[in-house]
Amino acid sequence: MNCPTCMKLEMPMSWFCSQECFKSYWKTHNKLHKAQKQLIKSMRAFKPPPFDYTGPLKPYYVSPMRSVPPETLKPDYYLDGLPTSEMARKRDTAIEIKSKSQIAKMRKVCRVRHM
């Protein structure tokens, strides 16, 4: 069973196993509807700046910035935008030299892959 309100609001489908399941989850699920209605309301209120646009690109509504919960693990670049862990790996310029047996195994795998 899917939610008829989600269909009406053109939201991603929410599936429920039964009517009882739908009823028991309704209070939590209805919060999604309220957020979607608020978003639609703010999108309708958006008025682009008066400007004689010459091409097909025009400004569009941008949703408000959302915060990330504090318990979520954040990448090393979330503060300053610099991916320090990736940059450290790129500085590692050591070239691995394969043995003859490793090269033979790699060639065998490539032949199997292309069959």
N, C-alpha and C. Protein backbone atom coordinates (compact mmCIF):
# COMPACT_ATOMS: atom_id res chain seq x y z
N MET A 1 0.85 -1.18 0.00
CA MET A 1 0.00 0.00 0.00
C MET A 1 0.90 1.24 0.00
N ASN A 2 0.56 2.19 -0.82
CA ASN A 2 1.33 3.44 -0.82
C ASN A 2 0.46 4.58 -0.31
N CYS A 3 1.14 5.65 0.10
CA CYS A 3 0.45 6.78 0.72
C CYS A 3 -0.18 7.66 -0.36
N PRO A 4 -1.51 7.88 -0.30
CA PRO A 4 -2.16 8.71 -1.31
C PRO A 4 -1.76 10.19 -1.22
N THR A 5 -1.45 10.66 -0.03
CA THR A 5 -1.03 12.06 0.12
C THR A 5 0.32 12.29 -0.52
N CYS A 6 1.21 11.31 -0.40
CA CYS A 6 2.52 11.42 -1.06
C CYS A 6 2.34 11.51 -2.57
N MET A 7 1.41 10.74 -3.10
CA MET A 7 1.15 10.78 -4.55
C MET A 7 0.62 12.16 -4.95
N LYS A 8 -0.27 12.71 -4.14
CA LYS A 8 -0.86 14.00 -4.44
C LYS A 8 0.19 15.11 -4.39
N LEU A 9 1.12 15.02 -3.44
CA LEU A 9 2.16 16.04 -3.29
C LEU A 9 3.37 15.77 -4.19
N GLU A 10 3.29 14.72 -5.02
CA GLU A 10 4.37 14.33 -5.94
C GLU A 10 5.68 14.08 -5.19
N MET A 11 5.56 13.39 -4.07
CA MET A 11 6.71 13.01 -3.27
C MET A 11 7.14 11.60 -3.67
N PRO A 12 8.35 11.18 -3.31
CA PRO A 12 8.72 9.78 -3.55
C PRO A 12 7.74 8.85 -2.84
N MET A 13 7.46 7.75 -3.47
CA MET A 13 6.46 6.83 -2.93
C MET A 13 6.89 6.27 -1.58
N SER A 14 5.93 6.19 -0.67
CA SER A 14 6.12 5.56 0.63
C SER A 14 5.25 4.32 0.65
N TRP A 15 5.86 3.19 0.87
CA TRP A 15 5.13 1.92 0.85
C TRP A 15 4.93 1.41 2.28
N PHE A 16 3.74 0.89 2.52
CA PHE A 16 3.40 0.32 3.82
C PHE A 16 2.86 -1.09 3.60
N CYS A 17 3.12 -1.97 4.55
CA CYS A 17 2.72 -3.38 4.37
C CYS A 17 1.21 -3.58 4.52
N SER A 18 0.55 -2.73 5.30
CA SER A 18 -0.89 -2.89 5.50
C SER A 18 -1.48 -1.58 6.00
N GLN A 19 -2.79 -1.55 6.10
CA GLN A 19 -3.49 -0.37 6.61
C GLN A 19 -3.12 -0.12 8.07
N GLU A 20 -2.96 -1.19 8.86
CA GLU A 20 -2.58 -1.04 10.27
C GLU A 20 -1.18 -0.45 10.39
N CYS A 21 -0.29 -0.90 9.54
CA CYS A 21 1.08 -0.37 9.52
C CYS A 21 1.05 1.12 9.18
N PHE A 22 0.23 1.47 8.20
CA PHE A 22 0.08 2.86 7.78
C PHE A 22 -0.44 3.73 8.92
N LYS A 23 -1.46 3.23 9.62
CA LYS A 23 -2.05 3.97 10.74
C LYS A 23 -1.05 4.15 11.88
N SER A 24 -0.28 3.12 12.17
CA SER A 24 0.64 3.21 13.30
C SER A 24 1.81 4.16 13.02
N TYR A 25 2.16 4.32 11.76
CA TYR A 25 3.28 5.17 11.38
C TYR A 25 2.84 6.57 10.96
N TRP A 26 1.54 6.83 10.94
CA TRP A 26 1.00 8.06 10.37
C TRP A 26 1.54 9.33 11.02
N LYS A 27 1.64 9.40 12.35
CA LYS A 27 2.10 10.63 13.01
C LYS A 27 3.50 11.01 12.55
N THR A 28 4.36 10.04 12.43
CA THR A 28 5.72 10.31 11.97
C THR A 28 5.73 10.63 10.48
N HIS A 29 4.99 9.87 9.71
CA HIS A 29 4.97 10.04 8.25
C HIS A 29 4.34 11.38 7.85
N ASN A 30 3.36 11.82 8.58
CA ASN A 30 2.68 13.07 8.25
C ASN A 30 3.62 14.27 8.36
N LYS A 31 4.68 14.18 9.16
CA LYS A 31 5.66 15.27 9.25
C LYS A 31 6.33 15.49 7.90
N LEU A 32 6.52 14.43 7.14
CA LEU A 32 7.08 14.56 5.79
C LEU A 32 6.14 15.37 4.90
N HIS A 33 4.84 15.13 5.03
CA HIS A 33 3.87 15.88 4.24
C HIS A 33 3.91 17.36 4.58
N LYS A 34 3.99 17.65 5.88
CA LYS A 34 4.02 19.05 6.29
C LYS A 34 5.26 19.76 5.77
N ALA A 35 6.40 19.08 5.79
CA ALA A 35 7.63 19.68 5.27
C ALA A 35 7.52 19.91 3.77
N GLN A 36 6.93 18.95 3.05
CA GLN A 36 6.77 19.10 1.61
C GLN A 36 5.81 20.24 1.27
N LYS A 37 4.73 20.37 2.04
CA LYS A 37 3.79 21.47 1.81
C LYS A 37 4.45 22.82 2.04
N GLN A 38 5.30 22.91 3.07
CA GLN A 38 6.02 24.15 3.35
C GLN A 38 6.98 24.48 2.21
N LEU A 39 7.65 23.47 1.68
CA LEU A 39 8.57 23.66 0.57
C LEU A 39 7.81 24.16 -0.67
N ILE A 40 6.69 23.54 -0.96
CA ILE A 40 5.88 23.96 -2.12
C ILE A 40 5.41 25.39 -1.94
N LYS A 41 5.01 25.73 -0.73
CA LYS A 41 4.54 27.10 -0.44
C LYS A 41 5.66 28.11 -0.66
N SER A 42 6.86 27.81 -0.18
CA SER A 42 7.97 28.75 -0.35
C SER A 42 8.43 28.82 -1.81
N MET A 43 8.33 27.71 -2.55
CA MET A 43 8.69 27.74 -3.97
C MET A 43 7.71 28.60 -4.75
N ARG A 44 6.43 28.54 -4.40
CA ARG A 44 5.44 29.36 -5.10
C ARG A 44 5.62 30.84 -4.77
N ALA A 45 6.14 31.14 -3.59
CA ALA A 45 6.34 32.53 -3.18
C ALA A 45 7.58 33.14 -3.84
N PHE A 46 8.46 32.30 -4.39
CA PHE A 46 9.69 32.80 -5.00
C PHE A 46 9.38 33.59 -6.27
N LYS A 47 9.90 34.78 -6.33
CA LYS A 47 9.77 35.63 -7.51
C LYS A 47 11.17 35.94 -8.02
N PRO A 48 11.49 35.56 -9.27
CA PRO A 48 12.83 35.88 -9.78
C PRO A 48 12.99 37.39 -9.94
N PRO A 49 14.22 37.87 -9.85
CA PRO A 49 14.43 39.30 -10.00
C PRO A 49 14.02 39.78 -11.38
N PRO A 50 13.47 40.98 -11.46
CA PRO A 50 13.06 41.49 -12.78
C PRO A 50 14.30 41.78 -13.63
N PHE A 51 14.43 41.03 -14.69
CA PHE A 51 15.60 41.15 -15.55
C PHE A 51 15.23 40.60 -16.91
N ASP A 52 15.75 41.20 -17.96
CA ASP A 52 15.47 40.75 -19.31
C ASP A 52 16.46 39.63 -19.66
N TYR A 53 16.08 38.39 -19.37
CA TYR A 53 16.95 37.25 -19.61
C TYR A 53 17.04 36.96 -21.10
N THR A 54 18.25 36.74 -21.59
CA THR A 54 18.43 36.50 -23.02
C THR A 54 18.49 35.02 -23.36
N GLY A 55 18.77 34.17 -22.42
CA GLY A 55 18.89 32.74 -22.68
C GLY A 55 17.88 31.93 -21.89
N PRO A 56 18.00 30.62 -21.97
CA PRO A 56 17.03 29.76 -21.29
C PRO A 56 17.27 29.63 -19.79
N LEU A 57 18.44 30.01 -19.29
CA LEU A 57 18.74 29.88 -17.87
C LEU A 57 18.15 31.04 -17.08
N LYS A 58 17.42 30.69 -16.04
CA LYS A 58 16.80 31.70 -15.18
C LYS A 58 16.99 31.27 -13.73
N PRO A 59 16.97 32.22 -12.78
CA PRO A 59 17.12 31.83 -11.38
C PRO A 59 15.94 30.98 -10.92
N TYR A 60 16.21 30.12 -9.95
CA TYR A 60 15.18 29.23 -9.42
C TYR A 60 15.30 29.21 -7.91
N TYR A 61 14.26 28.76 -7.28
CA TYR A 61 14.22 28.68 -5.82
C TYR A 61 15.32 27.77 -5.29
N VAL A 62 16.03 28.22 -4.28
CA VAL A 62 17.04 27.41 -3.60
C VAL A 62 16.55 27.15 -2.18
N SER A 63 16.49 25.89 -1.80
CA SER A 63 15.98 25.54 -0.48
C SER A 63 16.93 26.04 0.61
N PRO A 64 16.43 26.27 1.81
CA PRO A 64 17.29 26.73 2.91
C PRO A 64 18.35 25.68 3.25
N MET A 65 19.49 26.14 3.74
CA MET A 65 20.56 25.22 4.11
C MET A 65 20.14 24.38 5.31
N ARG A 66 20.42 23.10 5.23
CA ARG A 66 20.09 22.19 6.32
C ARG A 66 21.35 21.87 7.10
N SER A 67 21.19 21.58 8.38
CA SER A 67 22.35 21.26 9.21
C SER A 67 22.54 19.75 9.28
N VAL A 68 23.77 19.35 9.53
CA VAL A 68 24.10 17.93 9.68
C VAL A 68 24.10 17.61 11.16
N PRO A 69 23.45 16.52 11.56
CA PRO A 69 23.42 16.17 12.98
C PRO A 69 24.84 15.99 13.53
N PRO A 70 25.07 16.38 14.79
CA PRO A 70 26.42 16.31 15.34
C PRO A 70 26.97 14.88 15.45
N GLU A 71 26.11 13.87 15.53
CA GLU A 71 26.61 12.50 15.65
C GLU A 71 27.06 11.90 14.31
N THR A 72 26.79 12.60 13.22
CA THR A 72 27.20 12.13 11.89
C THR A 72 28.69 12.36 11.70
N LEU A 73 29.39 11.31 11.25
CA LEU A 73 30.82 11.44 10.97
C LEU A 73 31.01 12.36 9.77
N LYS A 74 31.93 13.28 9.90
CA LYS A 74 32.15 14.25 8.84
C LYS A 74 33.51 14.00 8.18
N PRO A 75 33.62 14.26 6.88
CA PRO A 75 34.90 14.08 6.22
C PRO A 75 35.89 15.14 6.66
N ASP A 76 37.17 14.92 6.34
CA ASP A 76 38.20 15.86 6.80
C ASP A 76 38.10 17.22 6.12
N TYR A 77 37.36 17.34 5.04
CA TYR A 77 37.27 18.62 4.33
C TYR A 77 36.02 19.43 4.70
N TYR A 78 35.26 19.02 5.71
CA TYR A 78 34.02 19.73 6.01
C TYR A 78 34.26 21.11 6.61
N LEU A 79 35.40 21.36 7.23
CA LEU A 79 35.66 22.67 7.83
C LEU A 79 36.22 23.68 6.83
N ASP A 80 37.26 23.28 6.11
CA ASP A 80 37.93 24.25 5.25
C ASP A 80 37.86 23.93 3.76
N GLY A 81 37.24 22.80 3.40
CA GLY A 81 37.11 22.45 1.99
C GLY A 81 38.32 21.76 1.40
N LEU A 82 39.36 21.54 2.19
CA LEU A 82 40.57 20.90 1.69
C LEU A 82 40.58 19.42 2.07
N PRO A 83 40.63 18.52 1.11
CA PRO A 83 40.67 17.09 1.40
C PRO A 83 42.09 16.66 1.77
N THR A 84 42.49 16.88 3.00
CA THR A 84 43.88 16.64 3.41
C THR A 84 44.28 15.17 3.29
N SER A 85 43.37 14.24 3.56
CA SER A 85 43.73 12.82 3.44
C SER A 85 44.01 12.45 1.99
N GLU A 86 43.21 12.96 1.05
CA GLU A 86 43.47 12.68 -0.36
C GLU A 86 44.75 13.34 -0.82
N MET A 87 45.00 14.54 -0.36
CA MET A 87 46.21 15.26 -0.76
C MET A 87 47.44 14.53 -0.25
N ALA A 88 47.37 13.94 0.93
CA ALA A 88 48.50 13.20 1.48
C ALA A 88 48.78 11.95 0.65
N ARG A 89 47.72 11.28 0.20
CA ARG A 89 47.90 10.08 -0.63
C ARG A 89 48.50 10.44 -1.99
N LYS A 90 48.14 11.58 -2.55
CA LYS A 90 48.67 11.98 -3.86
C LYS A 90 50.16 12.30 -3.77
N ARG A 91 50.61 12.72 -2.60
CA ARG A 91 52.03 13.04 -2.43
C ARG A 91 52.87 11.77 -2.37
N ASP A 92 52.23 10.64 -2.08
CA ASP A 92 52.95 9.37 -2.02
C ASP A 92 53.23 8.93 -3.46
N THR A 93 54.45 9.16 -3.91
CA THR A 93 54.79 8.91 -5.31
C THR A 93 55.56 7.62 -5.50
N ALA A 94 55.57 6.74 -4.52
CA ALA A 94 56.29 5.48 -4.64
C ALA A 94 55.60 4.60 -5.68
N ILE A 95 56.36 4.09 -6.63
CA ILE A 95 55.82 3.24 -7.68
C ILE A 95 56.07 1.79 -7.28
N GLU A 96 55.00 1.02 -7.25
CA GLU A 96 55.13 -0.38 -6.89
C GLU A 96 55.65 -1.16 -8.08
N ILE A 97 56.71 -1.90 -7.89
CA ILE A 97 57.30 -2.71 -8.95
C ILE A 97 56.83 -4.15 -8.76
N LYS A 98 56.14 -4.66 -9.76
CA LYS A 98 55.57 -6.01 -9.69
C LYS A 98 56.62 -7.05 -10.07
N SER A 99 56.49 -8.22 -9.46
CA SER A 99 57.38 -9.34 -9.80
C SER A 99 56.86 -10.00 -11.08
N LYS A 100 57.65 -10.89 -11.67
CA LYS A 100 57.24 -11.58 -12.89
C LYS A 100 55.99 -12.42 -12.65
N SER A 101 55.90 -13.06 -11.49
CA SER A 101 54.71 -13.88 -11.21
C SER A 101 53.46 -12.99 -11.03
N GLN A 102 53.61 -11.83 -10.41
CA GLN A 102 52.48 -10.91 -10.26
C GLN A 102 52.01 -10.42 -11.63
N ILE A 103 52.95 -10.11 -12.51
CA ILE A 103 52.60 -9.65 -13.86
C ILE A 103 51.88 -10.76 -14.61
N ALA A 104 52.36 -11.99 -14.49
CA ALA A 104 51.71 -13.12 -15.15
C ALA A 104 50.28 -13.30 -14.64
N LYS A 105 50.08 -13.16 -13.34
CA LYS A 105 48.73 -13.29 -12.77
C LYS A 105 47.81 -12.18 -13.27
N MET A 106 48.34 -10.95 -13.36
CA MET A 106 47.54 -9.82 -13.85
C MET A 106 47.13 -10.05 -15.30
N ARG A 107 48.04 -10.57 -16.11
CA ARG A 107 47.72 -10.84 -17.51
C ARG A 107 46.66 -11.92 -17.63
N LYS A 108 46.75 -12.93 -16.77
CA LYS A 108 45.76 -14.01 -16.78
C LYS A 108 44.37 -13.47 -16.42
N VAL A 109 44.31 -12.62 -15.41
CA VAL A 109 43.04 -12.02 -14.99
C VAL A 109 42.47 -11.17 -16.12
N CYS A 110 43.30 -10.41 -16.80
CA CYS A 110 42.83 -9.57 -17.90
C CYS A 110 42.28 -10.43 -19.04
N ARG A 111 42.94 -11.55 -19.34
CA ARG A 111 42.44 -12.43 -20.40
C ARG A 111 41.07 -13.01 -20.01
N VAL A 112 40.93 -13.42 -18.76
CA VAL A 112 39.67 -13.97 -18.28
C VAL A 112 38.58 -12.91 -18.35
N ARG A 113 38.93 -11.72 -17.99
CA ARG A 113 37.96 -10.61 -17.98
C ARG A 113 37.42 -10.31 -19.38
N HIS A 114 38.27 -10.43 -20.40
CA HIS A 114 37.87 -10.06 -21.75
C HIS A 114 37.26 -11.23 -22.54
N MET A 115 37.02 -12.35 -21.88
CA MET A 115 36.41 -13.50 -22.59
C MET A 115 34.94 -13.31 -22.74
